[in-house]
PDB file of N, CA and C in Angstrom:
ATOM      1  N   UNK A   1       6.734 -14.805 -13.276  1.00  0.00           N
ATOM      2  CA  UNK A   1       5.804 -14.445 -12.668  1.00  0.00           C
ATOM      3  C   UNK A   1       4.903 -13.319 -13.017  1.00  0.00           C
ATOM      4  N   UNK A   2       3.806 -13.043 -13.229  1.00  0.00           N
ATOM      5  CA  UNK A   2       3.354 -11.763 -13.878  1.00  0.00           C
ATOM      6  C   UNK A   2       3.285 -10.873 -12.707  1.00  0.00           C
ATOM      7  N   UNK A   3       2.738  -9.476 -12.752  1.00  0.00           N
ATOM      8  CA  UNK A   3       3.234  -8.608 -11.794  1.00  0.00           C
ATOM      9  C   UNK A   3       2.137  -8.531 -10.558  1.00  0.00           C
ATOM     10  N   UNK A   4       1.333  -9.031 -11.129  1.00  0.00           N
ATOM     11  CA  UNK A   4       0.001  -9.228 -10.234  1.00  0.00           C
ATOM     12  C   UNK A   4       0.237 -10.246  -9.114  1.00  0.00           C
ATOM     13  N   UNK A   5       0.250 -11.223  -9.593  1.00  0.00           N
ATOM     14  CA  UNK A   5       0.831 -12.691  -8.668  1.00  0.00           C
ATOM     15  C   UNK A   5       2.031 -12.578  -7.816  1.00  0.00           C
ATOM     16  N   UNK A   6       3.480 -11.626  -8.495  1.00  0.00           N
ATOM     17  CA  UNK A   6       4.226 -11.147  -7.651  1.00  0.00           C
ATOM     18  C   UNK A   6       3.969 -10.525  -6.714  1.00  0.00           C
ATOM     19  N   UNK A   7       2.968  -9.334  -6.786  1.00  0.00           N
ATOM     20  CA  UNK A   7       2.579  -8.481  -5.681  1.00  0.00           C
ATOM     21  C   UNK A   7       1.878  -9.252  -4.627  1.00  0.00           C
ATOM     22  N   UNK A   8       0.997 -10.446  -5.178  1.00  0.00           N
ATOM     23  CA  UNK A   8       0.462 -11.108  -4.228  1.00  0.00           C
ATOM     24  C   UNK A   8       1.463 -11.810  -3.196  1.00  0.00           C
ATOM     25  N   UNK A   9       2.491 -12.567  -4.012  1.00  0.00           N
ATOM     26  CA  UNK A   9       3.168 -13.297  -2.963  1.00  0.00           C
ATOM     27  C   UNK A   9       4.022 -12.448  -1.944  1.00  0.00           C
ATOM     28  N   UNK A  10       4.501 -11.241  -2.526  1.00  0.00           N
ATOM     29  CA  UNK A  10       5.227 -10.017  -1.528  1.00  0.00           C
ATOM     30  C   UNK A  10       4.119  -9.687  -0.823  1.00  0.00           C
ATOM     31  N   UNK A  11       2.974  -9.596  -0.734  1.00  0.00           N
ATOM     32  CA  UNK A  11       1.931  -8.999   0.320  1.00  0.00           C
ATOM     33  C   UNK A  11       2.086 -10.118   1.245  1.00  0.00           C
ATOM     34  N   UNK A  12       1.723 -11.290   0.931  1.00  0.00           N
ATOM     35  CA  UNK A  12       1.647 -12.286   1.529  1.00  0.00           C
ATOM     36  C   UNK A  12       3.176 -12.583   2.729  1.00  0.00           C
ATOM     37  N   UNK A  13       4.242 -12.531   2.146  1.00  0.00           N
ATOM     38  CA  UNK A  13       5.394 -12.418   2.561  1.00  0.00           C
ATOM     39  C   UNK A  13       5.578 -11.316   3.593  1.00  0.00           C
ATOM     40  N   UNK A  14       5.383 -10.044   3.263  1.00  0.00           N
ATOM     41  CA  UNK A  14       5.386  -8.959   4.240  1.00  0.00           C
ATOM     42  C   UNK A  14       4.456  -9.357   5.599  1.00  0.00           C
ATOM     43  N   UNK A  15       3.228  -9.528   5.549  1.00  0.00           N
ATOM     44  CA  UNK A  15       2.580  -9.992   6.542  1.00  0.00           C
ATOM     45  C   UNK A  15       2.757 -11.281   7.242  1.00  0.00           C
ATOM     46  N   UNK A  16       3.478 -12.169   6.613  1.00  0.00           N
ATOM     47  CA  UNK A  16       4.140 -13.272   7.423  1.00  0.00           C
ATOM     48  C   UNK A  16       5.247 -12.935   8.313  1.00  0.00           C
ATOM     49  N   UNK A  17       6.112 -11.983   7.672  1.00  0.00           N
ATOM     50  CA  UNK A  17       7.368 -11.438   8.241  1.00  0.00           C
ATOM     51  C   UNK A  17       6.786 -10.673   9.737  1.00  0.00           C
ATOM     52  N   UNK A  18       5.623  -9.642   9.464  1.00  0.00           N
ATOM     53  CA  UNK A  18       5.212  -9.114  10.454  1.00  0.00           C
ATOM     54  C   UNK A  18       4.675 -10.103  11.410  1.00  0.00           C
ATOM     55  N   UNK A  19       3.908 -11.107  11.306  1.00  0.00           N
ATOM     56  CA  UNK A  19       3.694 -12.039  12.057  1.00  0.00           C
ATOM     57  C   UNK A  19       4.728 -12.749  13.319  1.00  0.00           C
ATOM     58  N   UNK A  20       5.972 -12.814  12.043  1.00  0.00           N
ATOM     59  CA  UNK A  20       7.404 -13.610  12.982  1.00  0.00           C
ATOM     60  C   UNK A  20       8.097 -12.167  13.655  1.00  0.00           C
ATOM     61  N   UNK A  21       7.581 -11.280  13.636  1.00  0.00           N
ATOM     62  CA  UNK A  21       8.098 -10.190  14.380  1.00  0.00           C
ATOM     63  C   UNK A  21       9.722  -9.959  13.652  1.00  0.00           C
ATOM     64  N   UNK A  22       9.767 -10.094  12.540  1.00  0.00           N
ATOM     65  CA  UNK A  22      11.054  -9.786  11.585  1.00  0.00           C
ATOM     66  C   UNK A  22      10.350  -8.695  10.651  1.00  0.00           C
ATOM     67  N   UNK A  23      10.225  -7.570  11.497  1.00  0.00           N
ATOM     68  CA  UNK A  23      10.017  -6.277  10.846  1.00  0.00           C
ATOM     69  C   UNK A  23      10.691  -5.575  10.062  1.00  0.00           C
ATOM     70  N   UNK A  24      12.049  -5.685  10.322  1.00  0.00           N
ATOM     71  CA  UNK A  24      12.664  -5.013   9.300  1.00  0.00           C
ATOM     72  C   UNK A  24      12.892  -5.589   7.794  1.00  0.00           C
ATOM     73  N   UNK A  25      12.805  -7.152   8.055  1.00  0.00           N
ATOM     74  CA  UNK A  25      12.526  -7.608   6.508  1.00  0.00           C
ATOM     75  C   UNK A  25      11.310  -7.112   6.118  1.00  0.00           C
ATOM     76  N   UNK A  26      10.189  -7.067   6.742  1.00  0.00           N
ATOM     77  CA  UNK A  26       8.950  -6.621   6.387  1.00  0.00           C
ATOM     78  C   UNK A  26       8.990  -5.362   5.585  1.00  0.00           C
ATOM     79  N   UNK A  27       9.808  -4.669   6.452  1.00  0.00           N
ATOM     80  CA  UNK A  27       9.714  -3.070   5.947  1.00  0.00           C
ATOM     81  C   UNK A  27      10.521  -3.372   4.591  1.00  0.00           C
ATOM     82  N   UNK A  28      11.099  -3.886   4.395  1.00  0.00           N
ATOM     83  CA  UNK A  28      12.177  -4.235   2.885  1.00  0.00           C
ATOM     84  C   UNK A  28      11.277  -4.762   2.017  1.00  0.00           C
ATOM     85  N   UNK A  29      10.452  -5.652   2.170  1.00  0.00           N
ATOM     86  CA  UNK A  29       9.414  -6.312   1.313  1.00  0.00           C
ATOM     87  C   UNK A  29       8.528  -5.074   0.836  1.00  0.00           C
ATOM     88  N   UNK A  30       7.890  -4.756   1.899  1.00  0.00           N
ATOM     89  CA  UNK A  30       6.913  -3.343   1.717  1.00  0.00           C
ATOM     90  C   UNK A  30       7.517  -2.399   0.772  1.00  0.00           C
ATOM     91  N   UNK A  31       8.633  -1.956   0.938  1.00  0.00           N
ATOM     92  CA  UNK A  31       9.295  -0.741   0.110  1.00  0.00           C
ATOM     93  C   UNK A  31       9.574  -1.227  -1.146  1.00  0.00           C
ATOM     94  N   UNK A  32      10.081  -2.568  -1.400  1.00  0.00           N
ATOM     95  CA  UNK A  32      10.516  -3.201  -2.661  1.00  0.00           C
ATOM     96  C   UNK A  32       9.060  -3.195  -3.581  1.00  0.00           C
ATOM     97  N   UNK A  33       7.796  -3.560  -2.936  1.00  0.00           N
ATOM     98  CA  UNK A  33       6.654  -3.661  -3.249  1.00  0.00           C
ATOM     99  C   UNK A  33       6.272  -2.092  -4.049  1.00  0.00           C
ATOM    100  N   UNK A  34       6.703  -1.179  -3.198  1.00  0.00           N
ATOM    101  CA  UNK A  34       6.410   0.204  -3.643  1.00  0.00           C
ATOM    102  C   UNK A  34       7.302   0.673  -4.767  1.00  0.00           C
ATOM    103  N   UNK A  35       8.555   0.647  -4.422  1.00  0.00           N
ATOM    104  CA  UNK A  35       9.086   0.713  -5.615  1.00  0.00           C
ATOM    105  C   UNK A  35       9.149   0.004  -7.026  1.00  0.00           C
ATOM    106  N   UNK A  36       8.858  -1.243  -6.839  1.00  0.00           N
ATOM    107  CA  UNK A  36       8.744  -2.061  -7.941  1.00  0.00           C
ATOM    108  C   UNK A  36       7.586  -1.196  -8.743  1.00  0.00           C
ATOM    109  N   UNK A  37       6.433  -0.755  -8.449  1.00  0.00           N
ATOM    110  CA  UNK A  37       5.508  -0.510  -8.897  1.00  0.00           C
ATOM    111  C   UNK A  37       5.402   1.006  -9.273  1.00  0.00           C
ATOM    112  N   UNK A  38       6.221   1.645  -8.752  1.00  0.00           N
ATOM    113  CA  UNK A  38       6.400   3.194  -9.227  1.00  0.00           C
ATOM    114  C   UNK A  38       7.044   3.035 -10.314  1.00  0.00           C
ATOM    115  N   UNK A  39       8.167   2.298 -10.432  1.00  0.00           N
ATOM    116  CA  UNK A  39       9.086   2.156 -11.657  1.00  0.00           C
ATOM    117  C   UNK A  39       8.259   1.304 -12.970  1.00  0.00           C
ATOM    118  N   UNK A  40       7.463   0.749 -12.530  1.00  0.00           N
ATOM    119  CA  UNK A  40       6.977  -0.315 -13.711  1.00  0.00           C
ATOM    120  C   UNK A  40       5.876   0.451 -14.795  1.00  0.00           C
ATOM    121  N   UNK A  41       5.628  -0.071 -15.714  1.00  0.00           N
ATOM    122  CA  UNK A  41       4.741   0.180 -16.418  1.00  0.00           C
ATOM    123  C   UNK A  41       3.262  -0.258 -16.129  1.00  0.00           C
ATOM    124  N   UNK A  42       3.313  -1.358 -15.076  1.00  0.00           N
ATOM    125  CA  UNK A  42       1.945  -2.176 -14.851  1.00  0.00           C
ATOM    126  C   UNK A  42       1.015  -1.320 -13.916  1.00  0.00           C
ATOM    127  N   UNK A  43       0.035  -0.784 -14.596  1.00  0.00           N
ATOM    128  CA  UNK A  43      -1.064   0.160 -13.516  1.00  0.00           C
ATOM    129  C   UNK A  43      -2.357  -0.434 -13.764  1.00  0.00           C
ATOM    130  N   UNK A  44      -2.727  -0.398 -12.437  1.00  0.00           N
ATOM    131  CA  UNK A  44      -4.289  -0.850 -12.380  1.00  0.00           C
ATOM    132  C   UNK A  44      -4.843  -0.448 -11.178  1.00  0.00           C
ATOM    133  N   UNK A  45      -5.951  -0.492 -11.104  1.00  0.00           N
ATOM    134  CA  UNK A  45      -6.400   0.150  -9.567  1.00  0.00           C
ATOM    135  C   UNK A  45      -6.107  -0.928  -8.308  1.00  0.00           C
ATOM    136  N   UNK A  46      -6.029  -2.117  -8.757  1.00  0.00           N
ATOM    137  CA  UNK A  46      -5.904  -3.248  -7.846  1.00  0.00           C
ATOM    138  C   UNK A  46      -4.468  -3.141  -7.102  1.00  0.00           C
ATOM    139  N   UNK A  47      -3.558  -2.976  -8.355  1.00  0.00           N
ATOM    140  CA  UNK A  47      -2.037  -2.618  -7.726  1.00  0.00           C
ATOM    141  C   UNK A  47      -1.869  -1.008  -7.149  1.00  0.00           C
ATOM    142  N   UNK A  48      -2.582  -0.490  -7.663  1.00  0.00           N
ATOM    143  CA  UNK A  48      -2.357   0.869  -6.793  1.00  0.00           C
ATOM    144  C   UNK A  48      -3.003   0.841  -5.377  1.00  0.00           C
ATOM    145  N   UNK A  49      -4.256   0.143  -5.425  1.00  0.00           N
ATOM    146  CA  UNK A  49      -4.483  -0.145  -3.964  1.00  0.00           C
ATOM    147  C   UNK A  49      -3.475  -0.871  -3.089  1.00  0.00           C
ATOM    148  N   UNK A  50      -2.725  -1.960  -3.392  1.00  0.00           N
ATOM    149  CA  UNK A  50      -1.868  -2.505  -2.712  1.00  0.00           C
ATOM    150  C   UNK A  50      -0.632  -1.770  -2.361  1.00  0.00           C
ATOM    151  N   UNK A  51      -0.064  -1.035  -3.400  1.00  0.00           N
ATOM    152  CA  UNK A  51       0.858  -0.044  -2.907  1.00  0.00           C
ATOM    153  C   UNK A  51       0.521   0.874  -2.043  1.00  0.00           C
ATOM    154  N   UNK A  52      -0.464   1.530  -2.161  1.00  0.00           N
ATOM    155  CA  UNK A  52      -0.986   2.356  -1.119  1.00  0.00           C
ATOM    156  C   UNK A  52      -1.029   1.642   0.452  1.00  0.00           C
ATOM    157  N   UNK A  53      -1.908   0.774   0.558  1.00  0.00           N
ATOM    158  CA  UNK A  53      -1.647  -0.106   1.679  1.00  0.00           C
ATOM    159  C   UNK A  53      -0.326  -0.671   2.079  1.00  0.00           C
ATOM    160  N   UNK A  54       0.568  -1.092   1.107  1.00  0.00           N
ATOM    161  CA  UNK A  54       1.729  -1.026   1.710  1.00  0.00           C
ATOM    162  C   UNK A  54       2.518   0.492   2.395  1.00  0.00           C
ATOM    163  N   UNK A  55       2.150   1.173   1.703  1.00  0.00           N
ATOM    164  CA  UNK A  55       2.721   2.744   2.510  1.00  0.00           C
ATOM    165  C   UNK A  55       2.238   3.018   3.497  1.00  0.00           C
ATOM    166  N   UNK A  56       0.959   2.665   3.829  1.00  0.00           N
ATOM    167  CA  UNK A  56       0.365   2.903   5.109  1.00  0.00           C
ATOM    168  C   UNK A  56       1.023   1.917   6.072  1.00  0.00           C
ATOM    169  N   UNK A  57       1.116   0.829   5.803  1.00  0.00           N
ATOM    170  CA  UNK A  57       1.613  -0.300   6.654  1.00  0.00           C
ATOM    171  C   UNK A  57       3.078  -0.073   6.757  1.00  0.00           C
ATOM    172  N   UNK A  58       3.922   0.386   5.962  1.00  0.00           N
ATOM    173  CA  UNK A  58       5.221   0.846   6.346  1.00  0.00           C
ATOM    174  C   UNK A  58       5.421   1.619   7.047  1.00  0.00           C
ATOM    175  N   UNK A  59       4.515   2.917   6.914  1.00  0.00           N
ATOM    176  CA  UNK A  59       4.330   4.090   7.906  1.00  0.00           C
ATOM    177  C   UNK A  59       4.116   3.686   9.443  1.00  0.00           C
ATOM    178  N   UNK A  60       3.282   2.355   9.387  1.00  0.00           N
ATOM    179  CA  UNK A  60       2.840   2.374  11.094  1.00  0.00           C
ATOM    180  C   UNK A  60       3.877   1.414  11.400  1.00  0.00           C
ATOM    181  N   UNK A  61       4.768   0.453  10.699  1.00  0.00           N
ATOM    182  CA  UNK A  61       5.922  -0.172  11.442  1.00  0.00           C
ATOM    183  C   UNK A  61       7.105   0.702  11.499  1.00  0.00           C
ATOM    184  N   UNK A  62       7.094   1.749  10.744  1.00  0.00           N
ATOM    185  CA  UNK A  62       8.329   2.962  11.092  1.00  0.00           C
ATOM    186  C   UNK A  62       7.827   4.256  10.716  1.00  0.00           C
ATOM    187  N   UNK A  63       7.352   4.745  11.639  1.00  0.00           N
ATOM    188  CA  UNK A  63       6.893   6.279  11.594  1.00  0.00           C
ATOM    189  C   UNK A  63       8.041   7.307  11.154  1.00  0.00           C
ATOM    190  N   UNK A  64       7.790   7.861  10.165  1.00  0.00           N
ATOM    191  CA  UNK A  64       8.973   8.749   9.505  1.00  0.00           C
ATOM    192  C   UNK A  64       8.067   9.675   8.701  1.00  0.00           C
ATOM    193  N   UNK A  65       8.839  10.787   8.390  1.00  0.00           N
ATOM    194  CA  UNK A  65       8.251  12.053   7.389  1.00  0.00           C
ATOM    195  C   UNK A  65       8.353  11.279   6.092  1.00  0.00           C
ATOM    196  N   UNK A  66       9.567  10.475   5.672  1.00  0.00           N
ATOM    197  CA  UNK A  66       9.785  10.039   4.796  1.00  0.00           C
ATOM    198  C   UNK A  66       8.644   9.142   4.010  1.00  0.00           C
ATOM    199  N   UNK A  67       8.221   8.270   5.108  1.00  0.00           N
ATOM    200  CA  UNK A  67       7.017   7.153   4.882  1.00  0.00           C
ATOM    201  C   UNK A  67       5.637   7.888   4.777  1.00  0.00           C
ATOM    202  N   UNK A  68       5.510   8.910   5.717  1.00  0.00           N
ATOM    203  CA  UNK A  68       4.433   9.763   5.620  1.00  0.00           C
ATOM    204  C   UNK A  68       3.980  10.262   4.205  1.00  0.00           C
ATOM    205  N   UNK A  69       5.343  10.963   3.834  1.00  0.00           N
ATOM    206  CA  UNK A  69       4.992  11.630   2.391  1.00  0.00           C
ATOM    207  C   UNK A  69       4.861  10.830   1.234  1.00  0.00           C
ATOM    208  N   UNK A  70       5.595   9.358   1.435  1.00  0.00           N
ATOM    209  CA  UNK A  70       5.328   8.468   0.358  1.00  0.00           C
ATOM    210  C   UNK A  70       3.978   8.379   0.192  1.00  0.00           C
ATOM    211  N   UNK A  71       3.475   7.849   1.427  1.00  0.00           N
ATOM    212  CA  UNK A  71       1.985   7.525   1.748  1.00  0.00           C
ATOM    213  C   UNK A  71       0.892   8.698   0.999  1.00  0.00           C
ATOM    214  N   UNK A  72       1.306  10.074   1.142  1.00  0.00           N
ATOM    215  CA  UNK A  72       0.462  10.974   0.701  1.00  0.00           C
ATOM    216  C   UNK A  72       0.610  11.072  -0.841  1.00  0.00           C
ATOM    217  N   UNK A  73       1.898  10.951  -1.537  1.00  0.00           N
ATOM    218  CA  UNK A  73       2.337  10.614  -2.842  1.00  0.00           C
ATOM    219  C   UNK A  73       1.402   9.606  -3.399  1.00  0.00           C
ATOM    220  N   UNK A  74       1.181   8.557  -2.580  1.00  0.00           N
ATOM    221  CA  UNK A  74       0.490   7.292  -3.206  1.00  0.00           C
ATOM    222  C   UNK A  74      -1.057   7.565  -3.165  1.00  0.00           C
ATOM    223  N   UNK A  75      -1.109   7.882  -2.259  1.00  0.00           N
ATOM    224  CA  UNK A  75      -2.887   8.219  -1.935  1.00  0.00           C
ATOM    225  C   UNK A  75      -3.499   8.879  -3.103  1.00  0.00           C
ATOM    226  N   UNK A  76      -2.646   9.956  -3.569  1.00  0.00           N
ATOM    227  CA  UNK A  76      -3.085  10.931  -4.618  1.00  0.00           C
ATOM    228  C   UNK A  76      -3.049  10.202  -6.228  1.00  0.00           C
ATOM    229  N   UNK A  77      -1.777   9.253  -6.058  1.00  0.00           N
ATOM    230  CA  UNK A  77      -1.530   8.719  -7.332  1.00  0.00           C
ATOM    231  C   UNK A  77      -2.791   7.623  -7.393  1.00  0.00           C
ATOM    232  N   UNK A  78      -3.198   6.941  -6.443  1.00  0.00           N
ATOM    233  CA  UNK A  78      -4.612   5.731  -6.383  1.00  0.00           C
ATOM    234  C   UNK A  78      -5.582   6.865  -6.670  1.00  0.00           C
ATOM    235  N   UNK A  79      -5.941   7.841  -6.062  1.00  0.00           N
ATOM    236  CA  UNK A  79      -7.104   8.237  -6.468  1.00  0.00           C
ATOM    237  C   UNK A  79      -7.286   8.672  -7.935  1.00  0.00           C
ATOM    238  N   UNK A  80      -6.385   8.852  -8.918  1.00  0.00           N
ATOM    239  CA  UNK A  80      -6.375   8.946 -10.050  1.00  0.00           C
ATOM    240  C   UNK A  80      -6.812   7.913 -11.052  1.00  0.00           C
ATOM    241  N   UNK A  81      -6.867   6.620 -10.340  1.00  0.00           N
ATOM    242  CA  UNK A  81      -7.304   5.673 -11.187  1.00  0.00           C
ATOM    243  C   UNK A  81      -8.796   5.324 -10.859  1.00  0.00           C
ATOM    244  N   UNK A  82      -9.292   4.969 -12.085  1.00  0.00           N
ATOM    245  CA  UNK A  82     -10.557   4.616 -12.545  1.00  0.00           C
ATOM    246  C   UNK A  82     -11.334   3.231 -11.485  1.00  0.00           C
ATOM    247  N   UNK A  83     -12.360   3.366 -10.963  1.00  0.00           N
ATOM    248  CA  UNK A  83     -12.741   2.469 -10.129  1.00  0.00           C
ATOM    249  C   UNK A  83     -13.593   1.272 -11.285  1.00  0.00           C
ATOM    250  N   UNK A  84     -13.017   0.252 -11.385  1.00  0.00           N
ATOM    251  CA  UNK A  84     -13.827  -0.815 -12.530  1.00  0.00           C
ATOM    252  C   UNK A  84     -15.231  -1.316 -12.045  1.00  0.00           C
ATOM    253  N   UNK A  85     -14.849  -1.627 -10.662  1.00  0.00           N
ATOM    254  CA  UNK A  85     -16.045  -2.759 -10.376  1.00  0.00           C
ATOM    255  C   UNK A  85     -16.896  -1.660  -9.170  1.00  0.00           C
ATOM    256  N   UNK A  86     -18.104  -1.509  -9.102  1.00  0.00           N
ATOM    257  CA  UNK A  86     -18.907  -0.817  -8.132  1.00  0.00           C
ATOM    258  C   UNK A  86     -19.019  -1.380  -6.818  1.00  0.00           C
ATOM    259  N   UNK A  87     -18.470  -2.305  -6.573  1.00  0.00           N
ATOM    260  CA  UNK A  87     -18.764  -2.924  -5.020  1.00  0.00           C
ATOM    261  C   UNK A  87     -17.475  -3.076  -4.340  1.00  0.00           C
ATOM    262  N   UNK A  88     -16.961  -4.189  -4.899  1.00  0.00           N
ATOM    263  CA  UNK A  88     -15.761  -4.468  -3.824  1.00  0.00           C
ATOM    264  C   UNK A  88     -14.821  -3.537  -3.942  1.00  0.00           C
ATOM    265  N   UNK A  89     -14.530  -2.618  -5.273  1.00  0.00           N
ATOM    266  CA  UNK A  89     -13.457  -1.519  -5.362  1.00  0.00           C
ATOM    267  C   UNK A  89     -13.664  -0.278  -4.590  1.00  0.00           C
ATOM    268  N   UNK A  90     -14.886   0.111  -4.415  1.00  0.00           N
ATOM    269  CA  UNK A  90     -15.469   0.915  -3.791  1.00  0.00           C
ATOM    270  C   UNK A  90     -15.266   1.026  -2.017  1.00  0.00           C
ATOM    271  N   UNK A  91     -15.677  -0.398  -1.697  1.00  0.00           N
ATOM    272  CA  UNK A  91     -15.339  -0.523  -0.165  1.00  0.00           C
ATOM    273  C   UNK A  91     -13.911  -0.548   0.001  1.00  0.00           C
ATOM    274  N   UNK A  92     -13.072  -1.096  -0.746  1.00  0.00           N
ATOM    275  CA  UNK A  92     -12.038  -1.265  -0.657  1.00  0.00           C
ATOM    276  C   UNK A  92     -11.132   0.027  -0.710  1.00  0.00           C
ATOM    277  N   UNK A  93     -11.581   0.837  -1.494  1.00  0.00           N
ATOM    278  CA  UNK A  93     -10.900   2.384  -1.517  1.00  0.00           C
ATOM    279  C   UNK A  93     -11.396   3.212  -0.283  1.00  0.00           C
ATOM    280  N   UNK A  94     -12.545   3.080   0.401  1.00  0.00           N
ATOM    281  CA  UNK A  94     -13.031   3.459   1.180  1.00  0.00           C
ATOM    282  C   UNK A  94     -12.154   3.233   2.703  1.00  0.00           C
ATOM    283  N   UNK A  95     -11.876   1.919   2.645  1.00  0.00           N
ATOM    284  CA  UNK A  95     -10.897   1.159   3.954  1.00  0.00           C
ATOM    285  C   UNK A  95      -9.678   2.193   3.701  1.00  0.00           C
ATOM    286  N   UNK A  96      -8.993   2.012   2.664  1.00  0.00           N
ATOM    287  CA  UNK A  96      -7.590   2.915   2.225  1.00  0.00           C
ATOM    288  C   UNK A  96      -7.521   4.125   2.551  1.00  0.00           C
ATOM    289  N   UNK A  97      -8.863   4.856   2.167  1.00  0.00           N
ATOM    290  CA  UNK A  97      -8.898   6.084   2.616  1.00  0.00           C
ATOM    291  C   UNK A  97      -9.026   6.541   4.060  1.00  0.00           C
ATOM    292  N   UNK A  98     -10.051   5.615   4.808  1.00  0.00           N
ATOM    293  CA  UNK A  98     -10.153   5.478   6.343  1.00  0.00           C
ATOM    294  C   UNK A  98      -8.665   5.472   6.893  1.00  0.00           C
ATOM    295  N   UNK A  99      -7.838   4.154   6.637  1.00  0.00           N
ATOM    296  CA  UNK A  99      -6.718   4.206   7.208  1.00  0.00           C
ATOM    297  C   UNK A  99      -5.640   5.237   6.560  1.00  0.00           C
ATOM    298  N   UNK A 100      -5.625   5.856   5.641  1.00  0.00           N
ATOM    299  CA  UNK A 100      -4.677   7.031   5.519  1.00  0.00           C
ATOM    300  C   UNK A 100      -4.868   8.091   6.209  1.00  0.00           C
ATOM    301  N   UNK A 101      -6.426   8.545   6.491  1.00  0.00           N
ATOM    302  CA  UNK A 101      -6.794   9.564   7.245  1.00  0.00           C
ATOM    303  C   UNK A 101      -6.334   9.382   8.650  1.00  0.00           C
ATOM    304  N   UNK A 102      -6.509   8.073   9.262  1.00  0.00           N
ATOM    305  CA  UNK A 102      -6.426   7.906  10.548  1.00  0.00           C
ATOM    306  C   UNK A 102      -4.993   7.435  11.301  1.00  0.00           C
ATOM    307  N   UNK A 103      -4.147   7.113  10.211  1.00  0.00           N
ATOM    308  CA  UNK A 103      -2.917   7.003  10.398  1.00  0.00           C
ATOM    309  C   UNK A 103      -1.673   7.848  10.172  1.00  0.00           C
ATOM    310  N   UNK A 104      -1.857   8.231   8.839  1.00  0.00           N
ATOM    311  CA  UNK A 104      -1.143   9.301   8.169  1.00  0.00           C
ATOM    312  C   UNK A 104      -1.623  10.657   8.393  1.00  0.00           C
ATOM    313  N   UNK A 105      -2.504  11.101   8.263  1.00  0.00           N
ATOM    314  CA  UNK A 105      -3.177  12.668   8.943  1.00  0.00           C
ATOM    315  C   UNK A 105      -3.390  12.740  10.243  1.00  0.00           C
ATOM    316  N   UNK A 106      -3.394  11.331  11.232  1.00  0.00           N
ATOM    317  CA  UNK A 106      -3.892  11.519  12.275  1.00  0.00           C
ATOM    318  C   UNK A 106      -5.343  12.174  12.483  1.00  0.00           C
ATOM    319  N   UNK A 107      -6.229  11.628  11.562  1.00  0.00           N
ATOM    320  CA  UNK A 107      -7.628  12.249  11.910  1.00  0.00           C
ATOM    321  C   UNK A 107      -8.552  11.208  11.967  1.00  0.00           C
ATOM    322  N   UNK A 108      -9.587  11.138  12.994  1.00  0.00           N
ATOM    323  CA  UNK A 108     -10.517   9.952  12.988  1.00  0.00           C
ATOM    324  C   UNK A 108     -11.947  10.481  12.528  1.00  0.00           C
ATOM    325  N   UNK A 109     -12.120   9.543  11.389  1.00  0.00           N
ATOM    326  CA  UNK A 109     -13.216  10.361  10.384  1.00  0.00           C
ATOM    327  C   UNK A 109     -14.317   9.042  10.827  1.00  0.00           C
TER     328      UNK A 109
END
């Protein structure tokens, strides 16, 4: 399975586990996604977006300095990626920045 497909499956798995109230398993799936991408050579703005979203969601499930620091690291990494599409990508990145500010920085913008 290619990286992008694998990531889609893990994203669905994590969200399903949250809905089933299996939060510990969801946290493991989210952390796996983040770790896998950090260690891989596969980089695209879509994958970085998912990784950043996963880090914010992981923080919401388990607020901690570790998860907050991880989200901060990933939002910076994400900001370095060039936006390829001028419509969906910009909106998606905007929503990620909004969630980051609201949940990680505790700022309502």
